[in-house]
C-alpha atoms as a PDB file:
ATOM      1  CA  MET A   1       0.000   0.000   0.000  1.00  0.00           C
ATOM      2  CA  ARG A   2       1.131   3.549  -0.757  1.00  0.00           C
ATOM      3  CA  THR A   3       0.204   6.762   1.019  1.00  0.00           C
ATOM      4  CA  ALA A   4       0.510  10.076  -0.825  1.00  0.00           C
ATOM      5  CA  LYS A   5       0.106  13.610   0.422  1.00  0.00           C
ATOM      6  CA  LEU A   6      -1.115  15.981  -2.296  1.00  0.00           C
ATOM      7  CA  LEU A   7      -1.792  19.710  -2.384  1.00  0.00           C
ATOM      8  CA  LEU A   8      -4.536  20.666  -4.840  1.00  0.00           C
ATOM      9  CA  ARG A   9      -6.255  23.682  -6.254  1.00  0.00           C
ATOM     10  CA  ILE A  10      -9.569  22.445  -7.649  1.00  0.00           C
ATOM     11  CA  PRO A  11     -11.474  24.787  -9.987  1.00  0.00           C
ATOM     12  CA  GLY A  12     -14.958  25.554  -8.680  1.00  0.00           C
ATOM     13  CA  ASN A  13     -14.427  23.545  -5.501  1.00  0.00           C
ATOM     14  CA  TRP A  14     -16.610  24.976  -2.735  1.00  0.00           C
ATOM     15  CA  ILE A  15     -14.312  23.802   0.081  1.00  0.00           C
ATOM     16  CA  GLY A  16     -11.401  25.924  -1.107  1.00  0.00           C
ATOM     17  CA  GLU A  17     -13.639  28.891  -1.812  1.00  0.00           C
ATOM     18  CA  MET A  18     -15.304  28.657   1.584  1.00  0.00           C
ATOM     19  CA  SER A  19     -11.976  28.535   3.409  1.00  0.00           C
ATOM     20  CA  VAL A  20     -11.009  31.835   1.765  1.00  0.00           C
ATOM     21  CA  ARG A  21     -14.389  33.578   1.852  1.00  0.00           C
ATOM     22  CA  CYS A  22     -15.368  32.588   5.410  1.00  0.00           C
ATOM     23  CA  ASN A  23     -11.938  32.117   7.018  1.00  0.00           C
ATOM     24  CA  ALA A  24     -12.981  28.533   7.662  1.00  0.00           C
ATOM     25  CA  SER A  25     -11.151  25.276   8.253  1.00  0.00           C
ATOM     26  CA  VAL A  26     -12.891  22.387   6.497  1.00  0.00           C
ATOM     27  CA  LYS A  27     -11.933  18.757   7.065  1.00  0.00           C
ATOM     28  CA  VAL A  28     -13.431  15.997   4.946  1.00  0.00           C
ATOM     29  CA  LEU A  29     -13.999  13.043   7.279  1.00  0.00           C
ATOM     30  CA  ARG A  30     -15.606  10.752   4.692  1.00  0.00           C
ATOM     31  CA  CYS A  31     -16.175  10.999   0.947  1.00  0.00           C
ATOM     32  CA  VAL A  32     -18.081   8.333  -0.996  1.00  0.00           C
ATOM     33  CA  PRO A  33     -19.681   8.192  -4.445  1.00  0.00           C
ATOM     34  CA  SER A  34     -23.479   7.962  -4.246  1.00  0.00           C
ATOM     35  CA  ASP A  35     -24.033   7.062  -7.910  1.00  0.00           C
ATOM     36  CA  ARG A  36     -22.188   7.426 -11.220  1.00  0.00           C
ATOM     37  CA  ALA A  37     -22.130  11.221 -11.057  1.00  0.00           C
ATOM     38  CA  GLY A  38     -22.704  12.238  -7.447  1.00  0.00           C
ATOM     39  CA  GLY A  39     -21.071  11.946  -4.069  1.00  0.00           C
ATOM     40  CA  ARG A  40     -21.659  12.389  -0.345  1.00  0.00           C
ATOM     41  CA  SER A  41     -19.212  13.867   2.134  1.00  0.00           C
ATOM     42  CA  LEU A  42     -19.084  14.170   5.898  1.00  0.00           C
ATOM     43  CA  LEU A  43     -17.224  17.295   6.989  1.00  0.00           C
ATOM     44  CA  ARG A  44     -16.098  19.131  10.099  1.00  0.00           C
ATOM     45  CA  ILE A  45     -16.231  22.907   9.658  1.00  0.00           C
ATOM     46  CA  GLU A  46     -14.555  25.350  12.054  1.00  0.00           C
ATOM     47  CA  LEU A  47     -15.170  29.083  11.654  1.00  0.00           C
ATOM     48  CA  ALA A  48     -13.370  32.056  13.124  1.00  0.00           C
ATOM     49  CA  ASP A  49     -16.739  33.845  13.289  1.00  0.00           C
ATOM     50  CA  THR A  50     -19.786  32.193  14.840  1.00  0.00           C
ATOM     51  CA  LEU A  51     -22.601  31.665  12.343  1.00  0.00           C
ATOM     52  CA  THR A  52     -26.011  30.096  12.828  1.00  0.00           C
ATOM     53  CA  ASP A  53     -26.736  26.862  10.983  1.00  0.00           C
ATOM     54  CA  GLU A  54     -29.066  28.798   8.685  1.00  0.00           C
ATOM     55  CA  SER A  55     -26.414  31.401   7.826  1.00  0.00           C
ATOM     56  CA  LEU A  56     -23.749  28.767   7.216  1.00  0.00           C
ATOM     57  CA  GLU A  57     -26.090  26.661   5.102  1.00  0.00           C
ATOM     58  CA  GLY A  58     -27.019  29.761   3.087  1.00  0.00           C
ATOM     59  CA  THR A  59     -23.332  30.520   2.502  1.00  0.00           C
ATOM     60  CA  LEU A  60     -22.664  26.965   1.334  1.00  0.00           C
ATOM     61  CA  ASN A  61     -25.631  27.016  -1.022  1.00  0.00           C
ATOM     62  CA  ALA A  62     -24.543  30.379  -2.432  1.00  0.00           C
ATOM     63  CA  ILE A  63     -21.055  29.019  -3.163  1.00  0.00           C
ATOM     64  CA  SER A  64     -22.297  25.706  -4.562  1.00  0.00           C
ATOM     65  CA  PRO A  65     -26.024  25.696  -5.447  1.00  0.00           C
ATOM     66  CA  ASP A  66     -25.860  22.029  -6.513  1.00  0.00           C
ATOM     67  CA  CYS A  67     -25.046  20.847  -2.976  1.00  0.00           C
ATOM     68  CA  ARG A  68     -27.596  19.663  -0.447  1.00  0.00           C
ATOM     69  CA  VAL A  69     -26.408  20.412   3.084  1.00  0.00           C
ATOM     70  CA  ASP A  70     -27.431  19.012   6.481  1.00  0.00           C
ATOM     71  CA  LEU A  71     -25.754  20.732   9.445  1.00  0.00           C
ATOM     72  CA  ALA A  72     -25.326  20.026  13.151  1.00  0.00           C
ATOM     73  CA  THR A  73     -23.621  22.436  15.546  1.00  0.00           C
ATOM     74  CA  LEU A  74     -20.997  20.960  17.888  1.00  0.00           C
ATOM     75  CA  GLY A  75     -20.186  24.212  19.663  1.00  0.00           C
ATOM     76  CA  PRO A  76     -19.340  27.863  18.972  1.00  0.00           C
ATOM     77  CA  GLY A  77     -17.931  28.010  15.439  1.00  0.00           C
ATOM     78  CA  LYS A  78     -17.828  24.199  15.107  1.00  0.00           C
ATOM     79  CA  HIS A  79     -20.142  22.215  12.839  1.00  0.00           C
ATOM     80  CA  ILE A  80     -20.556  18.756  11.348  1.00  0.00           C
ATOM     81  CA  ALA A  81     -22.046  18.784   7.846  1.00  0.00           C
ATOM     82  CA  THR A  82     -23.284  16.138   5.442  1.00  0.00           C
ATOM     83  CA  VAL A  83     -23.022  17.421   1.879  1.00  0.00           C
ATOM     84  CA  THR A  84     -24.579  15.664  -1.098  1.00  0.00           C
ATOM     85  CA  ASN A  85     -23.379  16.782  -4.516  1.00  0.00           C
ATOM     86  CA  ASN A  86     -25.077  15.533  -7.676  1.00  0.00           C
ATOM     87  CA  GLY A  87     -21.956  16.204  -9.724  1.00  0.00           C
ATOM     88  CA  CYS A  88     -18.998  15.121  -7.579  1.00  0.00           C
ATOM     89  CA  LEU A  89     -16.104  14.882 -10.027  1.00  0.00           C
ATOM     90  CA  ILE A  90     -13.591  14.191  -7.255  1.00  0.00           C
ATOM     91  CA  CYS A  91     -15.380  11.101  -5.903  1.00  0.00           C
ATOM     92  CA  ASN A  92     -15.511   9.595  -9.355  1.00  0.00           C
ATOM     93  CA  LEU A  93     -11.860  10.341 -10.158  1.00  0.00           C
ATOM     94  CA  LEU A  94     -10.822   8.615  -6.926  1.00  0.00           C
ATOM     95  CA  ASN A  95     -13.026   5.662  -7.848  1.00  0.00           C
ATOM     96  CA  GLU A  96     -11.598   5.387 -11.358  1.00  0.00           C
ATOM     97  CA  ALA A  97      -8.021   5.415 -10.063  1.00  0.00           C
ATOM     98  CA  ASP A  98      -8.783   2.830  -7.346  1.00  0.00           C
ATOM     99  CA  CYS A  99      -7.647   5.295  -4.656  1.00  0.00           C
ATOM    100  CA  PHE A 100      -9.090   6.133  -1.257  1.00  0.00           C
ATOM    101  CA  LEU A 101      -9.272   9.618   0.250  1.00  0.00           C
ATOM    102  CA  ASP A 102      -8.055   9.208   3.838  1.00  0.00           C
ATOM    103  CA  SER A 103      -8.331  12.911   4.733  1.00  0.00           C
ATOM    104  CA  ALA A 104      -8.733  16.334   3.131  1.00  0.00           C
ATOM    105  CA  VAL A 105      -8.129  19.657   4.867  1.00  0.00           C
ATOM    106  CA  SER A 106      -8.679  23.132   3.433  1.00  0.00           C
ATOM    107  CA  GLN A 107      -5.759  25.575   3.358  1.00  0.00           C
ATOM    108  CA  PRO A 108      -5.952  29.352   3.939  1.00  0.00           C
ATOM    109  CA  ASP A 109      -5.041  30.044   0.294  1.00  0.00           C
ATOM    110  CA  GLY A 110      -7.963  27.991  -1.043  1.00  0.00           C
ATOM    111  CA  ARG A 111      -6.016  24.839  -1.800  1.00  0.00           C
ATOM    112  CA  VAL A 112      -6.879  21.480  -0.220  1.00  0.00           C
ATOM    113  CA  ALA A 113      -4.364  19.067   1.334  1.00  0.00           C
ATOM    114  CA  TRP A 114      -5.198  15.429   0.601  1.00  0.00           C
ATOM    115  CA  THR A 115      -3.919  12.187   2.097  1.00  0.00           C
ATOM    116  CA  VAL A 116      -4.614   9.400  -0.405  1.00  0.00           C
ATOM    117  CA  ILE A 117      -4.145   5.636  -0.016  1.00  0.00           C
ATOM    118  CA  ALA A 118      -3.717   3.288  -2.987  1.00  0.00           C
ATOM    119  CA  PRO A 119      -2.573  -0.294  -3.502  1.00  0.00           C
ATOM    120  CA  ARG A 120       0.252   0.749  -5.857  1.00  0.00           C
ATOM    121  CA  SER A 121       2.148   3.896  -6.844  1.00  0.00           C
ATOM    122  CA  ASP A 122       0.849   3.732 -10.403  1.00  0.00           C
ATOM    123  CA  ARG A 123      -2.727   4.204  -9.141  1.00  0.00           C
ATOM    124  CA  ILE A 124      -1.693   7.454  -7.464  1.00  0.00           C
ATOM    125  CA  GLY A 125       0.029   8.473 -10.684  1.00  0.00           C
ATOM    126  CA  LEU A 126      -3.195   7.764 -12.579  1.00  0.00           C
ATOM    127  CA  LEU A 127      -5.178   9.849 -10.077  1.00  0.00           C
ATOM    128  CA  ILE A 128      -2.799  12.796 -10.479  1.00  0.00           C
ATOM    129  CA  ALA A 129      -3.033  12.538 -14.268  1.00  0.00           C
ATOM    130  CA  ARG A 130      -6.848  12.487 -14.125  1.00  0.00           C
ATOM    131  CA  LEU A 131      -6.923  15.459 -11.746  1.00  0.00           C
ATOM    132  CA  LYS A 132      -4.688  17.480 -14.065  1.00  0.00           C
ATOM    133  CA  GLU A 133      -6.854  16.550 -17.051  1.00  0.00           C
ATOM    134  CA  ALA A 134      -9.817  17.942 -15.072  1.00  0.00           C
ATOM    135  CA  GLY A 135      -8.010  21.281 -14.691  1.00  0.00           C
ATOM    136  CA  CYS A 136      -6.697  20.847 -11.131  1.00  0.00           C
ATOM    137  CA  GLU A 137      -3.303  22.077  -9.977  1.00  0.00           C
ATOM    138  CA  VAL A 138      -1.618  19.174  -8.158  1.00  0.00           C
ATOM    139  CA  GLU A 139       1.584  19.180  -6.104  1.00  0.00           C
ATOM    140  CA  MET A 140       2.955  15.921  -4.706  1.00  0.00           C
ATOM    141  CA  ILE A 141       4.204  16.539  -1.165  1.00  0.00           C
ATOM    142  CA  SER A 142       5.194  12.978  -0.278  1.00  0.00           C
ATOM    143  CA  LEU A 143       4.784   9.360  -1.333  1.00  0.00           C
ATOM    144  CA  ARG A 144       5.639   6.521   1.023  1.00  0.00           C
ATOM    145  CA  GLU A 145       4.900   2.902   1.691  1.00  0.00           C
ATOM    146  CA  GLN A 146       2.746   2.283   4.731  1.00  0.00           C
ATOM    147  CA  GLU A 147       5.130   1.102   7.402  1.00  0.00           C
ATOM    148  CA  GLU A 148       4.695  -2.312   8.987  1.00  0.00           C
ATOM    149  CA  ASP A 149       6.117  -1.000  12.271  1.00  0.00           C
ATOM    150  CA  ALA A 150       3.950   2.121  12.440  1.00  0.00           C
ATOM    151  CA  PRO A 151       3.048   3.065  16.041  1.00  0.00           C
ATOM    152  CA  LEU A 152      -0.652   2.330  15.420  1.00  0.00           C
ATOM    153  CA  THR A 153      -2.408  -0.316  13.400  1.00  0.00           C
ATOM    154  CA  TYR A 154      -4.510   0.867  10.478  1.00  0.00           C
ATOM    155  CA  HIS A 155      -7.690   0.204  12.484  1.00  0.00           C
ATOM    156  CA  GLN A 156      -6.386   2.086  15.529  1.00  0.00           C
ATOM    157  CA  GLU A 157      -5.296   5.035  13.400  1.00  0.00           C
ATOM    158  CA  LYS A 158      -8.715   5.174  11.707  1.00  0.00           C
ATOM    159  CA  VAL A 159     -10.539   5.235  15.059  1.00  0.00           C
ATOM    160  CA  VAL A 160      -8.168   7.797  16.608  1.00  0.00           C
ATOM    161  CA  ARG A 161      -8.321  10.024  13.530  1.00  0.00           C
ATOM    162  CA  THR A 162     -12.127   9.907  13.455  1.00  0.00           C
ATOM    163  CA  ALA A 163     -12.365  10.693  17.177  1.00  0.00           C
ATOM    164  CA  TYR A 164      -9.890  13.557  16.774  1.00  0.00           C
ATOM    165  CA  ASP A 165     -11.626  15.045  13.734  1.00  0.00           C
ATOM    166  CA  MET A 166     -15.040  14.857  15.406  1.00  0.00           C
ATOM    167  CA  GLY A 167     -13.782  16.752  18.465  1.00  0.00           C
ATOM    168  CA  TYR A 168     -13.333  13.960  21.018  1.00  0.00           C
ATOM    169  CA  TYR A 169      -9.923  15.351  22.005  1.00  0.00           C
ATOM    170  CA  ASP A 170     -10.991  19.002  21.964  1.00  0.00           C
ATOM    171  CA  ILE A 171     -10.860  20.941  25.235  1.00  0.00           C
ATOM    172  CA  PRO A 172     -13.630  20.991  26.219  1.00  0.00           C
ATOM    173  CA  ARG A 173     -14.664  17.760  24.472  1.00  0.00           C
ATOM    174  CA  THR A 174     -17.336  18.453  21.826  1.00  0.00           C
ATOM    175  CA  VAL A 175     -18.497  14.878  21.139  1.00  0.00           C
ATOM    176  CA  THR A 176     -19.059  11.842  23.337  1.00  0.00           C
ATOM    177  CA  LEU A 177     -17.722   8.324  23.004  1.00  0.00           C
ATOM    178  CA  ASN A 178     -21.243   7.254  22.058  1.00  0.00           C
ATOM    179  CA  GLU A 179     -21.241   9.687  19.107  1.00  0.00           C
ATOM    180  CA  VAL A 180     -17.859   8.377  17.909  1.00  0.00           C
ATOM    181  CA  SER A 181     -19.102   4.784  18.172  1.00  0.00           C
ATOM    182  CA  GLU A 182     -22.272   5.650  16.225  1.00  0.00           C
ATOM    183  CA  LYS A 183     -20.206   7.327  13.506  1.00  0.00           C
ATOM    184  CA  LEU A 184     -17.943   4.272  13.100  1.00  0.00           C
ATOM    185  CA  GLY A 185     -20.735   1.728  13.551  1.00  0.00           C
ATOM    186  CA  LEU A 186     -18.923  -0.037  16.391  1.00  0.00           C
ATOM    187  CA  ALA A 187     -19.874  -0.709  20.004  1.00  0.00           C
ATOM    188  CA  ARG A 188     -19.009   1.970  22.551  1.00  0.00           C
ATOM    189  CA  SER A 189     -16.964  -0.556  24.569  1.00  0.00           C
ATOM    190  CA  THR A 190     -14.973  -1.471  21.434  1.00  0.00           C
ATOM    191  CA  ILE A 191     -14.168   2.172  20.656  1.00  0.00           C
ATOM    192  CA  ASP A 192     -13.160   2.738  24.285  1.00  0.00           C
ATOM    193  CA  VAL A 193     -10.719  -0.197  24.208  1.00  0.00           C
ATOM    194  CA  VAL A 194      -9.276   0.740  20.804  1.00  0.00           C
ATOM    195  CA  LEU A 195      -8.675   4.343  21.886  1.00  0.00           C
ATOM    196  CA  ARG A 196      -7.069   3.367  25.201  1.00  0.00           C
ATOM    197  CA  ARG A 197      -4.784   0.824  23.534  1.00  0.00           C
ATOM    198  CA  ALA A 198      -3.804   3.369  20.871  1.00  0.00           C
ATOM    199  CA  GLU A 199      -3.160   6.042  23.489  1.00  0.00           C
ATOM    200  CA  ARG A 200      -1.031   3.583  25.512  1.00  0.00           C
ATOM    201  CA  ARG A 201       1.048   2.702  22.428  1.00  0.00           C
ATOM    202  CA  LEU A 202       1.594   6.353  21.534  1.00  0.00           C
ATOM    203  CA  ILE A 203       2.510   7.325  25.099  1.00  0.00           C
ATOM    204  CA  GLY A 204       4.768   4.298  25.451  1.00  0.00           C
ATOM    205  CA  GLN A 205       6.578   5.182  22.237  1.00  0.00           C
ATOM    206  CA  HIS A 206       6.973   8.778  23.390  1.00  0.00           C
ATOM    207  CA  ILE A 207       8.504   7.890  26.762  1.00  0.00           C
ATOM    208  CA  GLY A 208      10.548   5.013  25.352  1.00  0.00           C
ATOM    209  CA  ARG A 209       8.687   2.062  26.913  1.00  0.00           C
END
């Protein structure tokens, strides 16, 4: 398996435009194709200025009228959004290249930082070629093989990353363990054990145990 970090400027992409227009940080937690042309994304949105759900939804619809948005507020300036797009080019390009979007985070300049996983390097190369054909600017930041001796297993990293992105490690905490377990479709007790084992491994590595 290969992991690539890419920096993209995607023409007409509402995430990049929103990060510039609203001084927002947008993290894509999940992105899946819903049919041959569309896609659904789960996002965490953090704003410097507090907006009501209605105001934020209106801003999103103004930037991208084709999107359908469902919002939930986690706290001041923090939202979880489900966005359905009937013309999600990105989802379909990832599908065609047999790649998986592990994370996507907006940048202040309107670009989006991607972490992509693929079975082979040539699939990432195909994805980059397809993105460029679609008019995207793409910069490869890194390409590496997933390490066998990584501090966390893939499953542990997925659970920790999801918990982190949802706000489980925020101070104060903005989601509960139950909400993380519902999001991942796993029992609360399972999530609790996975997180504690992952935390123990990370702390042990840090202090040399």
